[in-house]
Amino acid sequence: MAFSAIVVAAGSGSRAGGDKQWRAVGGRPMVRWSVEALLSAGADSVIVVVAPGAEPRAAEALAGLSGWRTVAGGATRAASVQAGLAAFELAGDTPVLIHDAARPFLSAAVIGRLLEALADADGALPALPVADSLRRGVDGLVVGGVERDGLWRAQTPQAFRLKTIRDAYAAWAGPDAPTDEAAVVERAGGRVRIVEGDARLMKLTYPEDFAMAEAFAPKTTRIGQGYDVHRWGPGTSVWLCGVEIPHDQTLVGHSDADAGLHALTDAILGAIADGDIGDHFPPSDPQWKGASSDRFLVYAAERVAARGGRIVNVDVTLICEQPKVKPHRQAMRERLADLLKLPLDAVSVKATTTEGLGFTGRSEGLAAQAVATVELPCLASTA
């Protein structure tokens, strides 16, 4: 069924510390979750109602999406919704979903149930039955209970035909502002059907809600691997996994030739499909001559963070006959944990030989391979 939508994002979000609609949740601005979900579910157009002057922030948050536009909101939520309704040039029987940006995890299933309910009702809202016992309290003391049978926790989006909700707002007499659009249509004599809601449609109101939202945010796990080789040359020490080890040779390379860090950098970049170390730090560029490979690894980690992701764990294997790695393994783990801001138990460093076989067995060079697990946010859920 064709439909359009309004996403209300004009509030101050003061209880959450301000501007919550632009705050990142699961690696993307909160408002983007809802707009993406509505567009993915088939919305013909989405109007995003923002505070006057916030249009550039919306443009930044929704960059790359099409099918939406902004409208300046009013002093109250009801005024903002009416501003969005007034901006539509649609037939009166067009279904319109009105959604709060503070509920980011909207699914296609909920949208589908709302649209189906409009077949025999004037409006529809998703809701969850109240599961907890309810108590009245005065001065911190329980003074009675509230029967919870028949009580529902209303959510958004709420669905109406465009003419129905416009006419209902025009008839609203007040004096108080309505709590939601269902109340407006009910007051006008309309029938609003309850459909099954979704626990993930929690409203983010307070700062602590954002920690819970991160747990709800859909994520995908990626695994990347890296491999690097450097030959031995004259020297007095070698850098491995960010630790300098005294040795009668050194590894030869354009930078400090830390094969462990190079392999791990490639593994992290590979997990986010972002090329390899040579793409970002070409050996033909003189600025990287003798550079510390710490910089490469931190850069790769920053690329993950910029995608809203996090590194879960890393594992490096050094393949060589010399030097002995075991005496330095703990220092290497600690250095990697510090560079990547990981707990020590998420960092593994191992070493092995090739039993005298191949170029490493002949002590012509050292090889390193690495694996990194990265967690990235998914696109807004449409399940």
Protein backbone atom coordinates (compact mmCIF):
# COMPACT_ATOMS: atom_id res chain seq x y z
CA MET A 1 0.00 0.00 0.00
CA ALA A 2 1.36 3.42 -0.93
CA PHE A 3 1.88 5.78 2.00
CA SER A 4 3.74 8.87 3.11
CA ALA A 5 5.19 9.77 6.48
CA ILE A 6 6.13 12.52 8.90
CA VAL A 7 9.12 12.21 11.22
CA VAL A 8 8.95 14.70 14.09
CA ALA A 9 12.49 15.86 14.96
CA ALA A 10 11.89 19.42 16.14
CA GLY A 11 12.15 18.94 19.92
CA SER A 12 14.98 20.22 22.08
CA GLY A 13 15.68 16.82 23.68
CA SER A 14 16.57 18.60 26.92
CA ARG A 15 15.99 15.55 29.15
CA ALA A 16 18.55 13.62 27.09
CA GLY A 17 21.07 16.45 27.20
CA GLY A 18 19.87 18.29 24.09
CA ASP A 19 19.66 17.65 20.34
CA LYS A 20 19.10 13.93 20.78
CA GLN A 21 17.69 13.52 17.26
CA TRP A 22 21.13 14.28 15.82
CA ARG A 23 23.03 12.10 18.29
CA ALA A 24 24.61 8.91 16.95
CA VAL A 25 22.95 5.62 17.83
CA GLY A 26 24.54 2.49 16.46
CA GLY A 27 26.85 4.59 14.34
CA ARG A 28 24.31 6.88 12.65
CA PRO A 29 22.24 9.93 13.64
CA MET A 30 19.08 8.85 15.44
CA VAL A 31 16.75 10.56 12.95
CA ARG A 32 18.34 8.64 10.07
CA TRP A 33 17.19 5.28 11.43
CA SER A 34 13.53 6.27 11.12
CA VAL A 35 13.80 7.95 7.74
CA GLU A 36 15.71 4.99 6.29
CA ALA A 37 13.18 2.53 7.71
CA LEU A 38 10.21 4.41 6.24
CA LEU A 39 11.82 4.83 2.83
CA SER A 40 12.91 1.18 2.77
CA ALA A 41 9.34 0.11 3.61
CA GLY A 42 8.04 1.98 0.55
CA ALA A 43 7.16 5.50 1.71
CA ASP A 44 6.55 7.71 -1.32
CA SER A 45 7.67 10.80 0.60
CA VAL A 46 8.90 11.59 4.08
CA ILE A 47 8.63 15.01 5.68
CA VAL A 48 11.13 15.60 8.47
CA VAL A 49 9.92 18.32 10.82
CA VAL A 50 12.85 20.17 12.39
CA ALA A 51 13.36 23.22 14.52
CA PRO A 52 13.75 26.44 12.49
CA GLY A 53 17.38 26.74 11.45
CA ALA A 54 18.11 23.03 11.86
CA GLU A 55 17.78 22.26 8.16
CA PRO A 56 21.58 21.96 7.63
CA ARG A 57 21.81 19.42 10.44
CA ALA A 58 19.08 17.36 8.80
CA ALA A 59 20.87 17.57 5.46
CA GLU A 60 24.05 16.27 7.07
CA ALA A 61 22.28 13.51 9.02
CA LEU A 62 20.33 12.29 5.99
CA ALA A 63 23.00 12.74 3.33
CA GLY A 64 22.71 10.22 0.53
CA LEU A 65 18.99 9.53 1.03
CA SER A 66 16.32 10.71 -1.40
CA GLY A 67 12.57 11.06 -1.02
CA TRP A 68 12.58 13.33 2.03
CA ARG A 69 12.39 17.06 2.71
CA THR A 70 12.34 19.26 5.78
CA VAL A 71 9.62 21.51 7.20
CA ALA A 72 10.09 23.93 10.08
CA GLY A 73 8.21 22.85 13.20
CA GLY A 74 6.35 24.77 15.89
CA ALA A 75 6.59 25.39 19.62
CA THR A 76 4.81 22.13 20.51
CA ARG A 77 4.78 18.63 19.11
CA ALA A 78 1.19 19.10 17.94
CA ALA A 79 2.17 22.28 16.10
CA SER A 80 5.07 20.47 14.44
CA VAL A 81 2.84 17.62 13.31
CA GLN A 82 0.34 20.08 11.84
CA ALA A 83 3.16 21.82 10.00
CA GLY A 84 4.11 18.51 8.46
CA LEU A 85 0.52 17.69 7.53
CA ALA A 86 0.07 21.10 5.89
CA ALA A 87 3.11 20.48 3.69
CA PHE A 88 1.59 17.46 1.95
CA GLU A 89 -0.05 17.87 -1.43
CA LEU A 90 -1.70 14.46 -1.49
CA ALA A 91 -5.13 12.95 -1.91
CA GLY A 92 -7.17 12.94 1.27
CA ASP A 93 -7.33 9.14 1.47
CA THR A 94 -3.52 8.78 1.40
CA PRO A 95 -2.25 6.87 4.46
CA VAL A 96 0.15 8.97 6.51
CA LEU A 97 2.37 7.60 9.27
CA ILE A 98 3.42 10.07 11.99
CA HIS A 99 6.55 9.02 13.83
CA ASP A 100 8.82 10.37 16.56
CA ALA A 101 12.51 10.53 15.67
CA ALA A 102 13.22 9.51 19.28
CA ARG A 103 12.09 5.95 18.42
CA PRO A 104 14.83 4.88 16.00
CA PHE A 105 14.31 1.15 15.59
CA LEU A 106 11.22 1.07 13.41
CA SER A 107 10.59 -2.15 11.48
CA ALA A 108 8.78 -2.89 8.24
CA ALA A 109 6.61 -5.38 10.14
CA VAL A 110 5.14 -2.66 12.36
CA ILE A 111 4.57 -0.41 9.34
CA GLY A 112 2.75 -3.23 7.58
CA ARG A 113 0.45 -3.89 10.53
CA LEU A 114 -0.46 -0.22 10.78
CA LEU A 115 -1.34 0.07 7.10
CA GLU A 116 -3.48 -3.09 7.22
CA ALA A 117 -5.39 -1.76 10.23
CA LEU A 118 -6.55 1.30 8.26
CA ALA A 119 -8.80 -0.97 6.20
CA ASP A 120 -11.49 -0.87 8.91
CA ALA A 121 -10.41 1.89 11.31
CA ASP A 122 -9.85 5.65 11.28
CA GLY A 123 -6.42 5.29 12.75
CA ALA A 124 -3.95 2.77 14.13
CA LEU A 125 -1.19 2.81 16.68
CA PRO A 126 1.37 0.21 17.78
CA ALA A 127 1.27 -0.61 21.47
CA LEU A 128 2.55 -3.09 24.03
CA PRO A 129 0.51 -4.40 26.96
CA VAL A 130 1.65 -3.16 30.37
CA ALA A 131 3.52 -6.07 31.93
CA ASP A 132 4.77 -4.53 35.19
CA SER A 133 2.64 -4.02 38.28
CA LEU A 134 1.57 -0.40 38.66
CA ARG A 135 1.63 1.40 42.00
CA ARG A 136 0.59 4.82 43.18
CA GLY A 137 3.11 6.60 45.40
CA VAL A 138 3.12 9.62 47.64
CA ASP A 139 6.31 10.91 49.28
CA GLY A 140 8.12 7.76 48.27
CA LEU A 141 5.54 5.43 49.83
CA VAL A 142 3.11 3.07 48.11
CA VAL A 143 -0.48 4.22 48.63
CA GLY A 144 -2.27 1.84 46.30
CA GLY A 145 -2.23 -0.04 43.05
CA VAL A 146 -3.57 0.44 39.56
CA GLU A 147 -5.31 -2.33 37.66
CA ARG A 148 -3.23 -2.96 34.53
CA ASP A 149 -5.76 -4.99 32.55
CA GLY A 150 -6.63 -3.12 29.39
CA LEU A 151 -3.67 -0.73 29.71
CA TRP A 152 -1.30 -0.34 26.78
CA ARG A 153 1.98 1.47 26.18
CA ALA A 154 1.39 3.54 23.05
CA GLN A 155 4.19 3.89 20.52
CA THR A 156 4.70 5.54 17.15
CA PRO A 157 4.34 5.68 14.22
CA GLN A 158 0.60 6.21 14.26
CA ALA A 159 -1.31 5.83 11.00
CA PHE A 160 -4.27 7.79 9.57
CA ARG A 161 -5.72 8.86 6.27
CA LEU A 162 -4.51 12.38 5.55
CA LYS A 163 -7.97 14.00 5.57
CA THR A 164 -8.92 12.18 8.78
CA ILE A 165 -6.03 13.52 10.80
CA ARG A 166 -6.21 17.01 9.27
CA ASP A 167 -9.92 17.30 10.08
CA ALA A 168 -9.42 15.92 13.58
CA TYR A 169 -6.74 18.53 14.35
CA ALA A 170 -8.97 21.27 12.95
CA ALA A 171 -11.70 20.16 15.39
CA TRP A 172 -9.42 19.95 18.44
CA ALA A 173 -10.76 22.34 21.08
CA GLY A 174 -8.13 21.95 23.75
CA PRO A 175 -7.35 23.64 26.04
CA ASP A 176 -4.44 21.26 26.55
CA ALA A 177 -2.20 20.08 23.73
CA PRO A 178 -2.88 16.48 22.66
CA THR A 179 -0.46 13.81 23.81
CA ASP A 180 -0.48 12.14 20.38
CA GLU A 181 -2.46 11.91 17.16
CA ALA A 182 -4.55 8.97 18.40
CA ALA A 183 -5.97 11.26 21.09
CA VAL A 184 -6.85 13.85 18.44
CA VAL A 185 -8.74 11.35 16.28
CA GLU A 186 -10.45 9.79 19.31
CA ARG A 187 -11.66 13.22 20.43
CA ALA A 188 -13.13 13.74 16.95
CA GLY A 189 -15.07 10.49 17.28
CA GLY A 190 -12.76 8.28 15.26
CA ARG A 191 -11.93 4.64 15.89
CA VAL A 192 -8.24 3.95 16.50
CA ARG A 193 -7.14 0.34 16.33
CA ILE A 194 -4.29 -1.07 18.43
CA VAL A 195 -1.78 -3.24 16.57
CA GLU A 196 1.11 -5.23 17.94
CA GLY A 197 4.01 -2.95 18.83
CA ASP A 198 7.69 -3.70 19.18
CA ALA A 199 9.87 -3.58 22.29
CA ARG A 200 12.65 -2.15 20.11
CA LEU A 201 10.50 0.93 19.49
CA MET A 202 11.50 2.31 22.88
CA LYS A 203 11.54 6.08 23.13
CA LEU A 204 14.97 7.51 23.92
CA THR A 205 14.29 10.20 26.50
CA TYR A 206 17.04 10.17 29.12
CA PRO A 207 20.84 9.87 28.76
CA GLU A 208 20.81 6.31 30.11
CA ASP A 209 18.41 5.26 27.36
CA PHE A 210 21.16 5.61 24.78
CA ALA A 211 23.25 2.85 26.38
CA MET A 212 20.28 0.50 26.06
CA ALA A 213 19.70 1.64 22.48
CA GLU A 214 23.24 0.68 21.55
CA ALA A 215 22.46 -2.86 22.67
CA PHE A 216 19.35 -2.88 20.46
CA ALA A 217 21.04 -1.40 17.39
CA PRO A 218 21.36 -4.01 14.61
CA LYS A 219 24.99 -4.92 14.01
CA THR A 220 26.98 -7.09 11.66
CA THR A 221 30.25 -8.85 12.43
CA ARG A 222 33.07 -8.66 9.90
CA ILE A 223 36.37 -10.55 9.88
CA GLY A 224 39.46 -9.27 8.10
CA GLN A 225 42.85 -10.86 7.61
CA GLY A 226 46.24 -9.39 6.85
CA TYR A 227 49.62 -10.73 5.79
CA ASP A 228 52.99 -9.02 5.54
CA VAL A 229 56.58 -9.96 4.83
CA HIS A 230 59.88 -8.10 5.28
CA ARG A 231 63.40 -9.28 4.60
CA TRP A 232 66.20 -9.17 7.10
CA GLY A 233 69.06 -6.66 6.75
CA PRO A 234 71.86 -5.21 8.84
CA GLY A 235 70.80 -3.63 12.11
CA THR A 236 70.76 -3.84 15.89
CA SER A 237 67.06 -4.12 16.70
CA VAL A 238 63.70 -4.95 15.18
CA TRP A 239 60.21 -3.55 15.72
CA LEU A 240 57.46 -6.14 16.13
CA CYS A 241 53.89 -5.36 17.21
CA GLY A 242 54.96 -1.93 18.41
CA VAL A 243 57.81 -3.22 20.61
CA GLU A 244 61.51 -2.70 19.87
CA ILE A 245 63.51 -5.92 20.38
CA PRO A 246 67.33 -5.98 20.44
CA HIS A 247 68.56 -8.21 17.61
CA ASP A 248 71.57 -8.62 15.35
CA GLN A 249 69.47 -7.76 12.30
CA THR A 250 66.56 -5.52 11.42
CA LEU A 251 63.63 -5.77 9.04
CA VAL A 252 63.98 -3.71 5.88
CA GLY A 253 61.12 -1.54 4.68
CA HIS A 254 60.05 1.98 3.78
CA SER A 255 58.62 2.62 7.27
CA ASP A 256 59.90 0.92 10.41
CA ALA A 257 59.03 -2.43 8.75
CA ASP A 258 56.95 -3.66 11.70
CA ALA A 259 55.42 -6.65 9.93
CA GLY A 260 53.11 -7.42 12.84
CA LEU A 261 51.53 -3.97 12.80
CA HIS A 262 51.37 -3.97 9.00
CA ALA A 263 49.51 -7.27 8.91
CA LEU A 264 47.13 -6.14 11.65
CA THR A 265 46.49 -2.82 9.93
CA ASP A 266 45.56 -4.69 6.76
CA ALA A 267 43.30 -7.04 8.72
CA ILE A 268 41.35 -4.13 10.21
CA LEU A 269 41.08 -2.32 6.87
CA GLY A 270 40.00 -5.58 5.26
CA ALA A 271 37.22 -6.08 7.80
CA ILE A 272 35.63 -2.81 6.68
CA ALA A 273 36.50 -3.32 2.99
CA ASP A 274 38.64 -0.18 2.99
CA GLY A 275 41.56 -1.21 0.83
CA ASP A 276 44.97 -2.01 2.27
CA ILE A 277 47.85 -0.27 3.95
CA GLY A 278 49.48 0.58 0.61
CA ASP A 279 46.37 2.46 -0.52
CA HIS A 280 46.45 4.73 2.52
CA PHE A 281 50.23 4.92 3.08
CA PRO A 282 51.93 4.29 -0.29
CA PRO A 283 55.62 3.42 0.00
CA SER A 284 56.26 5.82 -2.88
CA ASP A 285 55.36 8.73 -0.58
CA PRO A 286 58.51 10.03 1.15
CA GLN A 287 56.60 11.25 4.20
CA TRP A 288 56.25 7.61 5.38
CA LYS A 289 59.98 6.81 5.13
CA GLY A 290 61.02 5.48 8.54
CA ALA A 291 57.56 6.23 9.99
CA SER A 292 56.38 4.42 13.08
CA SER A 293 53.80 1.83 12.12
CA ASP A 294 51.82 2.73 15.25
CA ARG A 295 50.37 5.55 13.17
CA PHE A 296 49.09 3.14 10.53
CA LEU A 297 47.33 0.95 13.08
CA VAL A 298 45.70 3.85 14.92
CA TYR A 299 44.55 5.25 11.58
CA ALA A 300 42.86 1.96 10.68
CA ALA A 301 41.13 1.89 14.07
CA GLU A 302 39.91 5.45 13.50
CA ARG A 303 38.46 4.36 10.15
CA VAL A 304 36.42 1.74 11.98
CA ALA A 305 35.20 4.27 14.54
CA ALA A 306 34.21 6.68 11.77
CA ARG A 307 31.89 3.97 10.43
CA GLY A 308 30.27 3.67 13.87
CA GLY A 309 31.98 0.34 14.45
CA ARG A 310 34.24 -1.17 17.05
CA ILE A 311 37.09 -3.65 16.99
CA VAL A 312 36.13 -6.74 18.97
CA ASN A 313 39.40 -8.67 19.05
CA VAL A 314 42.67 -9.12 17.15
CA ASP A 315 45.06 -12.04 16.71
CA VAL A 316 48.60 -11.75 15.30
CA THR A 317 50.93 -14.61 14.40
CA LEU A 318 54.61 -13.90 13.77
CA ILE A 319 56.42 -16.47 11.60
CA CYS A 320 60.18 -16.50 12.08
CA GLU A 321 63.16 -18.44 13.37
CA GLN A 322 64.57 -15.40 15.19
CA PRO A 323 64.20 -13.41 17.37
CA LYS A 324 62.45 -15.33 20.11
CA VAL A 325 59.05 -13.75 20.50
CA LYS A 326 57.79 -15.35 23.70
CA PRO A 327 59.83 -13.15 26.10
CA HIS A 328 58.29 -10.07 24.48
CA ARG A 329 54.78 -11.35 23.81
CA GLN A 330 53.16 -9.77 26.85
CA ALA A 331 54.66 -6.38 26.04
CA MET A 332 53.37 -6.71 22.49
CA ARG A 333 49.87 -7.55 23.68
CA GLU A 334 49.88 -4.59 26.04
CA ARG A 335 51.08 -2.25 23.31
CA LEU A 336 48.41 -3.40 20.87
CA ALA A 337 45.73 -3.16 23.55
CA ASP A 338 46.81 0.41 24.28
CA LEU A 339 46.90 1.46 20.63
CA LEU A 340 43.49 -0.07 19.85
CA LYS A 341 41.84 0.76 23.20
CA LEU A 342 41.00 -2.89 23.73
CA PRO A 343 40.99 -5.02 26.88
CA LEU A 344 44.06 -7.21 27.10
CA ASP A 345 42.04 -10.41 26.77
CA ALA A 346 40.87 -9.23 23.32
CA VAL A 347 44.47 -9.15 22.02
CA SER A 348 46.46 -12.22 21.05
CA VAL A 349 50.05 -12.44 19.83
CA LYS A 350 51.58 -15.78 18.88
CA ALA A 351 54.72 -16.97 17.16
CA THR A 352 55.66 -20.04 15.15
CA THR A 353 58.42 -21.31 12.91
CA THR A 354 58.31 -23.15 9.59
CA GLU A 355 60.66 -25.87 10.80
CA GLY A 356 63.49 -24.54 8.67
CA LEU A 357 61.41 -24.50 5.51
CA GLY A 358 60.96 -21.58 3.12
CA PHE A 359 62.33 -18.06 3.30
CA THR A 360 61.46 -17.69 6.99
CA GLY A 361 63.09 -21.03 7.76
CA ARG A 362 66.24 -19.89 5.99
CA SER A 363 66.12 -16.65 8.04
CA GLU A 364 65.82 -14.56 4.91
CA GLY A 365 62.83 -12.69 6.25
CA LEU A 366 59.96 -12.57 8.71
CA ALA A 367 56.27 -13.02 7.96
CA ALA A 368 53.22 -11.97 9.95
CA GLN A 369 49.57 -12.75 9.59
CA ALA A 370 46.68 -11.23 11.51
CA VAL A 371 42.96 -11.54 11.96
CA ALA A 372 40.64 -8.80 13.24
CA THR A 373 36.98 -9.02 14.18
CA VAL A 374 35.00 -5.82 13.75
CA GLU A 375 31.40 -5.02 14.63
CA LEU A 376 29.64 -2.50 12.37
CA PRO A 377 26.13 -1.05 12.46
CA CYS A 378 23.68 -2.48 9.94
CA LEU A 379 21.28 -0.49 7.86
CA ALA A 380 18.05 0.31 9.62
CA SER A 381 16.15 -2.93 10.22
CA THR A 382 13.31 -3.73 7.85
CA ALA A 383 12.46 -7.07 9.41
